[in-house]
Amino acid sequence: MSDHSQLLSPGKLGALTLSNRILMAPLTRCRADADHVPTPLMAEYYSQRASAGLIIAEATMVLEGNSSFWREPGVYSEAQVEGWRRVTEAVHARGGRIVLQLWHGGRSCHPLLNHGRQPVAPSALAIQGDEVHTPEGKKPYVVPRELRDDEVPGIIAGFRRAAENARAAGFDGVEVHGANGYLLDEFLRDGSNRRVGPYGGPVAHRARLLLEVTDAVSEVWGADRVGVRISPLNGYNDMRDSDPVGLTAHVASELGRRRIAYLHLMRGDFLGQQQADVVSAARAAFSGPLVGNMGYTPGEADAAIAAGTLAAVAFGHHYVSNPDLVERVRRGLPLTEPNPATFYSPGPAGYTDYPLLTA
């Protein structure tokens, strides 16, 4: 048996009661159907991981025509709501808790995935140095159209409707996706936001859309069932900011005043290029529960919780291949490494066929 007493102890994130502090991070897996409807296979996948203190379900489109991947789920149609209801019922049947991550792809969307529609972004700057998977193979990202100020209320309304739909689908709360180079993160960081006016320029203006979305979603759920995820250092999707620590402090302070359920902080850069201590900045500025993410071992996570730095830790990489991660940590057993070749492939291979201890 391992001694991860803090990580395995019960806890709370706002109104969300956790059986342990091992959270399942949101993981895009592209197993929805062609209409972005969650499938029975997804219900099986999430229910297998119901022992997590909280499941944060994958990035889910709040508005039609904003697909960044192939077959990622949405939550804007009745069929999608019904598909998600099967997921939440399966998780709840096994005693789990699950929130839905609400997402707009912004400039990472591609016309070939969206019936020819040009993506929108804070500024007309394309993602450089990468390609997107489309029905016609890998393609360069296109230059997005700069979103007009008078179109912003429509984006906020889309998040609000998605929050209402998530509630109808039986989720326990929602997480606003403000990370990883998607629309809300694109507004946050000055490497992608070059606009002027109420949503551009100083950090207080760049953070405005994220905060307005958070307020709208909180009106649906209550702030104590709303989390927000940010990634001030992550270079994925060609992202950067000139002052990630200052950005973190401002956003964390504003979210703290709103008394949200938790702030979900990605502490590093997938590409290993941008370095800074954003955890300390967030902890100093945010008065509520802080959830850590990105490269934590169970031992490091336990120590961070014991020190009062974090309330919980979200694990992604190892939740792909260890559906019973909580029990493996409890017993001190080795963790299975995932197969990256099946991260986004269709069907159960590399999705629902990783072995359970009870098997």
Protein backbone atom coordinates (compact mmCIF):
# COMPACT_ATOMS: atom_id res chain seq x y z
CA MET A 1 0.00 0.00 0.00
CA SER A 2 1.21 3.53 -0.76
CA ASP A 3 0.97 6.54 1.53
CA HIS A 4 -0.83 9.14 -0.50
CA SER A 5 -3.18 10.09 2.32
CA GLN A 6 -3.78 13.66 1.17
CA LEU A 7 -4.40 12.73 -2.45
CA LEU A 8 -6.78 9.95 -1.45
CA SER A 9 -8.68 11.99 1.15
CA PRO A 10 -12.17 13.44 0.53
CA GLY A 11 -12.44 17.10 -0.39
CA LYS A 12 -14.62 19.85 -1.82
CA LEU A 13 -14.43 22.17 -4.78
CA GLY A 14 -17.17 24.70 -4.17
CA ALA A 15 -20.43 22.73 -4.04
CA LEU A 16 -18.75 19.66 -5.55
CA THR A 17 -17.98 16.94 -3.01
CA LEU A 18 -15.02 14.72 -3.92
CA SER A 19 -14.40 11.17 -2.72
CA ASN A 20 -10.70 11.78 -3.37
CA ARG A 21 -8.51 14.50 -4.87
CA ILE A 22 -7.46 12.60 -8.00
CA LEU A 23 -9.28 14.36 -10.84
CA MET A 24 -9.54 13.17 -14.42
CA ALA A 25 -8.31 15.98 -16.68
CA PRO A 26 -10.26 16.80 -19.85
CA LEU A 27 -8.94 14.64 -22.69
CA THR A 28 -10.03 15.08 -26.31
CA ARG A 29 -10.50 11.57 -27.73
CA CYS A 30 -12.63 12.11 -30.89
CA ARG A 31 -15.09 9.26 -30.29
CA ALA A 32 -18.31 11.20 -30.95
CA ASP A 33 -20.27 10.47 -34.12
CA ALA A 34 -20.24 12.51 -37.33
CA ASP A 35 -22.86 14.90 -35.91
CA HIS A 36 -20.75 15.45 -32.77
CA VAL A 37 -23.16 13.38 -30.66
CA PRO A 38 -21.65 11.47 -27.71
CA THR A 39 -21.79 7.72 -28.27
CA PRO A 40 -22.49 4.71 -26.01
CA LEU A 41 -18.76 3.96 -26.25
CA MET A 42 -18.08 7.30 -24.57
CA ALA A 43 -20.49 6.39 -21.77
CA GLU A 44 -18.52 3.18 -21.19
CA TYR A 45 -15.21 5.06 -21.25
CA TYR A 46 -16.23 7.65 -18.68
CA SER A 47 -18.02 5.16 -16.41
CA GLN A 48 -14.83 3.06 -16.30
CA ARG A 49 -13.14 6.11 -14.70
CA ALA A 50 -15.94 6.95 -12.25
CA SER A 51 -13.70 6.37 -9.21
CA ALA A 52 -11.97 9.70 -9.91
CA GLY A 53 -12.78 12.35 -7.34
CA LEU A 54 -14.16 14.33 -10.27
CA ILE A 55 -14.20 13.70 -14.02
CA ILE A 56 -13.74 16.78 -16.18
CA ALA A 57 -15.19 15.68 -19.50
CA GLU A 58 -13.48 16.61 -22.74
CA ALA A 59 -13.62 19.93 -24.60
CA THR A 60 -17.15 20.23 -25.96
CA MET A 61 -18.37 22.65 -28.64
CA VAL A 62 -20.78 25.28 -27.37
CA LEU A 63 -21.72 26.48 -30.87
CA GLU A 64 -22.26 24.62 -34.12
CA GLY A 65 -19.64 25.11 -36.85
CA ASN A 66 -16.61 25.44 -34.58
CA SER A 67 -14.95 22.05 -34.90
CA SER A 68 -11.20 21.89 -34.36
CA PHE A 69 -10.83 18.12 -34.36
CA TRP A 70 -12.70 15.34 -36.05
CA ARG A 71 -15.67 13.90 -34.16
CA GLU A 72 -15.30 15.87 -30.96
CA PRO A 73 -18.59 16.23 -29.06
CA GLY A 74 -20.92 19.21 -28.93
CA VAL A 75 -23.66 20.28 -26.53
CA TYR A 76 -25.79 22.55 -28.73
CA SER A 77 -28.37 20.04 -30.08
CA GLU A 78 -31.03 17.89 -28.45
CA ALA A 79 -29.33 14.73 -29.73
CA GLN A 80 -26.05 15.80 -28.13
CA VAL A 81 -27.77 16.53 -24.82
CA GLU A 82 -29.34 13.09 -24.90
CA GLY A 83 -25.98 11.50 -25.74
CA TRP A 84 -24.35 13.26 -22.82
CA ARG A 85 -27.22 12.20 -20.55
CA ARG A 86 -26.29 8.58 -21.19
CA VAL A 87 -22.73 9.46 -20.13
CA THR A 88 -23.71 11.20 -16.90
CA GLU A 89 -26.14 8.45 -15.95
CA ALA A 90 -23.42 5.82 -16.47
CA VAL A 91 -20.95 7.76 -14.32
CA HIS A 92 -23.50 8.45 -11.57
CA ALA A 93 -24.54 4.79 -11.54
CA ARG A 94 -20.99 3.98 -10.42
CA GLY A 95 -20.93 6.69 -7.79
CA GLY A 96 -18.89 9.20 -9.81
CA ARG A 97 -19.12 12.96 -10.35
CA ILE A 98 -18.63 14.63 -13.73
CA VAL A 99 -18.51 18.19 -15.07
CA LEU A 100 -18.50 19.26 -18.72
CA GLN A 101 -15.78 21.44 -20.23
CA LEU A 102 -17.34 24.17 -22.38
CA TRP A 103 -15.22 25.18 -25.36
CA HIS A 104 -14.95 27.30 -28.48
CA GLY A 105 -12.08 26.40 -30.83
CA GLY A 106 -11.46 29.90 -32.17
CA ARG A 107 -8.68 30.07 -34.74
CA SER A 108 -7.87 26.35 -34.36
CA CYS A 109 -11.03 25.53 -36.34
CA HIS A 110 -10.72 24.81 -40.07
CA PRO A 111 -13.14 25.39 -42.98
CA LEU A 112 -12.85 21.74 -44.06
CA LEU A 113 -14.28 20.71 -40.69
CA ASN A 114 -17.01 23.35 -40.72
CA HIS A 115 -18.69 23.38 -44.15
CA GLY A 116 -16.32 26.05 -45.46
CA ARG A 117 -16.82 28.48 -42.58
CA GLN A 118 -13.83 30.72 -41.78
CA PRO A 119 -12.81 30.54 -38.12
CA VAL A 120 -12.98 33.56 -35.82
CA ALA A 121 -10.39 34.88 -33.38
CA PRO A 122 -9.48 38.07 -31.52
CA SER A 123 -7.08 39.00 -34.33
CA ALA A 124 -6.47 37.83 -37.90
CA LEU A 125 -3.41 35.73 -37.00
CA ALA A 126 -3.14 32.12 -38.13
CA ILE A 127 -1.58 29.33 -36.06
CA GLN A 128 1.96 28.84 -37.35
CA GLY A 129 4.21 25.80 -37.26
CA ASP A 130 1.55 23.10 -37.17
CA GLU A 131 -1.18 21.49 -39.24
CA VAL A 132 -4.72 20.32 -38.57
CA HIS A 133 -6.20 16.92 -39.41
CA THR A 134 -9.08 17.27 -41.91
CA PRO A 135 -11.11 14.89 -44.12
CA GLU A 136 -8.60 15.77 -46.88
CA GLY A 137 -5.54 15.03 -44.75
CA LYS A 138 -3.28 17.40 -42.83
CA LYS A 139 -3.69 21.05 -43.80
CA PRO A 140 -2.17 24.35 -42.65
CA TYR A 141 -4.30 26.44 -40.34
CA VAL A 142 -6.08 29.29 -42.11
CA VAL A 143 -6.09 32.98 -41.25
CA PRO A 144 -9.11 33.59 -39.01
CA ARG A 145 -11.55 36.44 -39.27
CA GLU A 146 -11.24 39.02 -36.50
CA LEU A 147 -14.33 38.80 -34.33
CA ARG A 148 -16.19 42.12 -34.16
CA ASP A 149 -17.06 43.62 -30.79
CA ASP A 150 -20.76 43.42 -31.64
CA GLU A 151 -20.42 39.65 -32.21
CA VAL A 152 -19.02 38.98 -28.74
CA PRO A 153 -22.44 38.85 -27.02
CA GLY A 154 -23.37 35.99 -29.34
CA ILE A 155 -20.33 34.02 -28.14
CA ILE A 156 -21.27 34.63 -24.52
CA ALA A 157 -24.86 33.59 -25.23
CA GLY A 158 -23.55 30.38 -26.81
CA PHE A 159 -21.67 29.51 -23.62
CA ARG A 160 -24.77 30.29 -21.56
CA ARG A 161 -26.96 27.98 -23.67
CA ALA A 162 -24.32 25.28 -23.49
CA ALA A 163 -24.31 25.59 -19.69
CA GLU A 164 -28.09 25.19 -19.69
CA ASN A 165 -27.79 22.14 -21.93
CA ALA A 166 -25.11 20.65 -19.69
CA ARG A 167 -27.48 21.00 -16.78
CA ALA A 168 -30.25 19.30 -18.76
CA ALA A 169 -27.82 16.47 -19.56
CA GLY A 170 -27.29 15.74 -15.87
CA PHE A 171 -23.77 17.04 -15.28
CA ASP A 172 -22.70 18.09 -11.78
CA GLY A 173 -21.18 21.35 -13.00
CA VAL A 174 -19.16 22.85 -15.84
CA GLU A 175 -15.63 24.00 -16.56
CA VAL A 176 -14.96 26.99 -18.81
CA HIS A 177 -12.09 26.19 -21.18
CA GLY A 178 -9.78 29.21 -21.16
CA ALA A 179 -6.61 27.29 -22.05
CA ASN A 180 -4.46 25.74 -24.80
CA GLY A 181 -4.85 28.30 -27.56
CA TYR A 182 -8.59 28.16 -28.09
CA LEU A 183 -10.87 31.19 -28.33
CA LEU A 184 -10.96 32.39 -24.73
CA ASP A 185 -7.22 31.80 -24.32
CA GLU A 186 -6.59 33.58 -27.63
CA PHE A 187 -8.24 36.67 -26.15
CA LEU A 188 -6.26 36.32 -22.91
CA ARG A 189 -2.73 36.29 -24.32
CA ASP A 190 -1.09 39.18 -26.14
CA GLY A 191 0.67 36.88 -28.62
CA SER A 192 -2.69 36.15 -30.26
CA ASN A 193 -4.70 39.22 -29.24
CA ARG A 194 -3.54 42.34 -31.08
CA ARG A 195 -6.89 44.12 -31.14
CA VAL A 196 -7.79 47.46 -29.56
CA GLY A 197 -10.97 48.42 -27.76
CA PRO A 198 -12.80 46.75 -24.88
CA TYR A 199 -11.35 43.28 -25.58
CA GLY A 200 -7.77 44.13 -26.48
CA GLY A 201 -4.69 45.90 -25.14
CA PRO A 202 -4.12 45.79 -21.35
CA VAL A 203 -4.62 42.53 -19.49
CA ALA A 204 -7.87 43.72 -17.90
CA HIS A 205 -9.36 44.11 -21.40
CA ARG A 206 -7.94 40.84 -22.72
CA ALA A 207 -9.41 38.94 -19.76
CA ARG A 208 -12.84 40.51 -20.18
CA LEU A 209 -14.33 37.82 -22.44
CA LEU A 210 -13.25 34.94 -20.18
CA LEU A 211 -14.75 36.72 -17.17
CA GLU A 212 -17.98 37.60 -18.99
CA VAL A 213 -18.37 33.97 -20.08
CA THR A 214 -17.70 32.83 -16.51
CA ASP A 215 -20.35 35.24 -15.20
CA ALA A 216 -22.90 34.03 -17.76
CA VAL A 217 -22.28 30.37 -16.99
CA SER A 218 -22.40 31.08 -13.25
CA GLU A 219 -25.85 32.58 -13.65
CA VAL A 220 -26.98 29.17 -14.88
CA TRP A 221 -25.15 26.95 -12.41
CA GLY A 222 -24.15 29.13 -9.49
CA ALA A 223 -20.47 30.05 -9.26
CA ASP A 224 -19.79 27.20 -6.82
CA ARG A 225 -20.36 24.64 -9.61
CA VAL A 226 -18.22 26.42 -12.20
CA GLY A 227 -14.50 25.81 -12.76
CA VAL A 228 -12.16 27.66 -15.12
CA ARG A 229 -9.06 26.26 -16.80
CA ILE A 230 -6.11 28.43 -17.91
CA SER A 231 -2.66 27.66 -19.36
CA PRO A 232 -0.63 30.91 -19.23
CA LEU A 233 2.62 29.19 -20.26
CA ASN A 234 1.51 26.55 -22.72
CA GLY A 235 2.86 27.15 -26.24
CA TYR A 236 0.49 24.64 -27.87
CA ASN A 237 -1.41 26.15 -30.82
CA ASP A 238 1.30 28.78 -31.32
CA MET A 239 0.53 30.62 -28.08
CA ARG A 240 2.61 32.99 -25.94
CA ASP A 241 2.25 35.97 -23.63
CA SER A 242 4.76 38.66 -22.73
CA ASP A 243 3.89 38.46 -19.00
CA PRO A 244 2.37 35.10 -18.09
CA VAL A 245 2.85 35.65 -14.36
CA GLY A 246 1.04 38.98 -14.46
CA LEU A 247 -1.71 37.47 -16.59
CA THR A 248 -2.10 34.61 -14.12
CA ALA A 249 -2.30 36.96 -11.15
CA HIS A 250 -4.95 39.16 -12.76
CA VAL A 251 -7.17 36.31 -13.92
CA ALA A 252 -6.79 34.43 -10.63
CA SER A 253 -7.71 37.52 -8.61
CA GLU A 254 -10.80 38.24 -10.71
CA LEU A 255 -11.96 34.62 -10.54
CA GLY A 256 -11.36 34.58 -6.80
CA ARG A 257 -13.72 37.51 -6.37
CA ARG A 258 -16.37 35.49 -8.22
CA ARG A 259 -15.99 32.57 -5.76
CA ILE A 260 -15.94 29.93 -8.47
CA ALA A 261 -15.67 26.26 -7.52
CA TYR A 262 -12.04 25.98 -8.62
CA LEU A 263 -9.29 27.38 -10.81
CA HIS A 264 -7.68 24.66 -12.94
CA LEU A 265 -4.11 25.71 -13.71
CA MET A 266 -1.81 24.09 -16.27
CA ARG A 267 1.56 24.89 -14.80
CA GLY A 268 3.88 24.42 -17.80
CA ASP A 269 4.41 24.37 -21.53
CA PHE A 270 3.85 21.24 -23.63
CA LEU A 271 6.70 22.47 -25.85
CA GLY A 272 9.07 23.22 -22.96
CA GLN A 273 9.89 26.70 -24.23
CA GLN A 274 8.18 29.11 -21.80
CA GLN A 275 9.20 28.92 -18.16
CA ALA A 276 7.83 30.73 -15.10
CA ASP A 277 6.29 30.04 -11.70
CA VAL A 278 2.61 30.57 -12.37
CA VAL A 279 1.52 28.29 -9.52
CA SER A 280 2.79 30.68 -6.85
CA ALA A 281 1.21 33.63 -8.65
CA ALA A 282 -2.14 31.84 -8.82
CA ARG A 283 -2.01 30.69 -5.20
CA ALA A 284 -1.22 34.20 -3.98
CA ALA A 285 -4.03 35.81 -5.99
CA PHE A 286 -6.77 33.18 -5.90
CA SER A 287 -8.71 32.68 -2.69
CA GLY A 288 -10.52 29.51 -3.71
CA PRO A 289 -9.55 25.89 -4.45
CA LEU A 290 -6.66 25.57 -6.90
CA VAL A 291 -6.42 22.45 -9.06
CA GLY A 292 -2.97 21.62 -10.45
CA ASN A 293 -2.32 19.94 -13.76
CA MET A 294 0.58 18.96 -16.02
CA GLY A 295 3.20 16.38 -15.17
CA TYR A 296 2.42 15.77 -11.50
CA THR A 297 3.37 12.42 -10.03
CA PRO A 298 1.11 11.05 -7.28
CA GLY A 299 3.85 11.80 -4.74
CA GLU A 300 4.29 15.38 -5.87
CA ALA A 301 0.54 15.88 -5.96
CA ASP A 302 0.17 14.56 -2.43
CA ALA A 303 2.88 16.92 -1.18
CA ALA A 304 1.31 19.95 -2.89
CA ILE A 305 -2.05 19.18 -1.28
CA ALA A 306 -0.42 18.65 2.13
CA ALA A 307 1.34 22.03 1.79
CA GLY A 308 -1.96 23.78 1.06
CA THR A 309 -0.84 24.85 -2.41
CA LEU A 310 -3.41 22.75 -4.23
CA ALA A 311 -6.83 21.38 -3.35
CA ALA A 312 -6.63 18.57 -5.95
CA VAL A 313 -4.63 17.48 -8.99
CA ALA A 314 -5.98 16.61 -12.44
CA PHE A 315 -4.22 13.72 -14.20
CA GLY A 316 -4.51 13.37 -17.97
CA HIS A 317 -1.81 11.20 -19.54
CA HIS A 318 -2.27 8.33 -17.10
CA TYR A 319 -6.06 8.45 -17.10
CA VAL A 320 -5.99 7.43 -20.75
CA SER A 321 -4.52 4.03 -19.88
CA ASN A 322 -5.40 3.53 -16.20
CA PRO A 323 -9.19 3.67 -15.83
CA ASP A 324 -8.81 2.63 -12.18
CA LEU A 325 -6.03 5.12 -11.47
CA VAL A 326 -7.30 5.82 -7.94
CA GLU A 327 -6.99 2.18 -6.89
CA ARG A 328 -3.58 1.83 -8.51
CA VAL A 329 -2.35 4.87 -6.56
CA ARG A 330 -3.93 3.49 -3.39
CA ARG A 331 -2.09 0.18 -3.78
CA GLY A 332 1.16 1.74 -4.99
CA LEU A 333 1.04 -0.26 -8.22
CA PRO A 334 2.85 0.60 -11.48
CA LEU A 335 0.89 2.64 -14.00
CA THR A 336 0.25 1.50 -17.55
CA GLU A 337 1.64 3.81 -20.26
CA PRO A 338 -0.82 4.82 -22.99
CA ASN A 339 -0.42 4.20 -26.72
CA PRO A 340 -0.36 7.62 -28.49
CA ALA A 341 -1.29 5.98 -31.82
CA THR A 342 -4.81 5.35 -30.49
CA PHE A 343 -5.42 8.70 -28.77
CA TYR A 344 -7.73 9.93 -31.55
CA SER A 345 -8.48 6.77 -33.53
CA PRO A 346 -12.07 5.48 -33.81
CA GLY A 347 -13.42 2.55 -31.83
CA PRO A 348 -12.57 0.91 -28.50
CA ALA A 349 -8.87 0.19 -29.17
CA GLY A 350 -6.81 2.34 -26.83
CA TYR A 351 -10.00 3.77 -25.40
CA THR A 352 -12.09 1.28 -23.42
CA ASP A 353 -9.85 -1.80 -23.64
CA TYR A 354 -7.15 -0.87 -21.11
CA PRO A 355 -7.21 -3.50 -18.36
CA LEU A 356 -8.84 -2.97 -14.98
CA LEU A 357 -7.32 -4.45 -11.84
CA THR A 358 -10.52 -6.35 -11.15
CA ALA A 359 -10.23 -7.98 -14.57
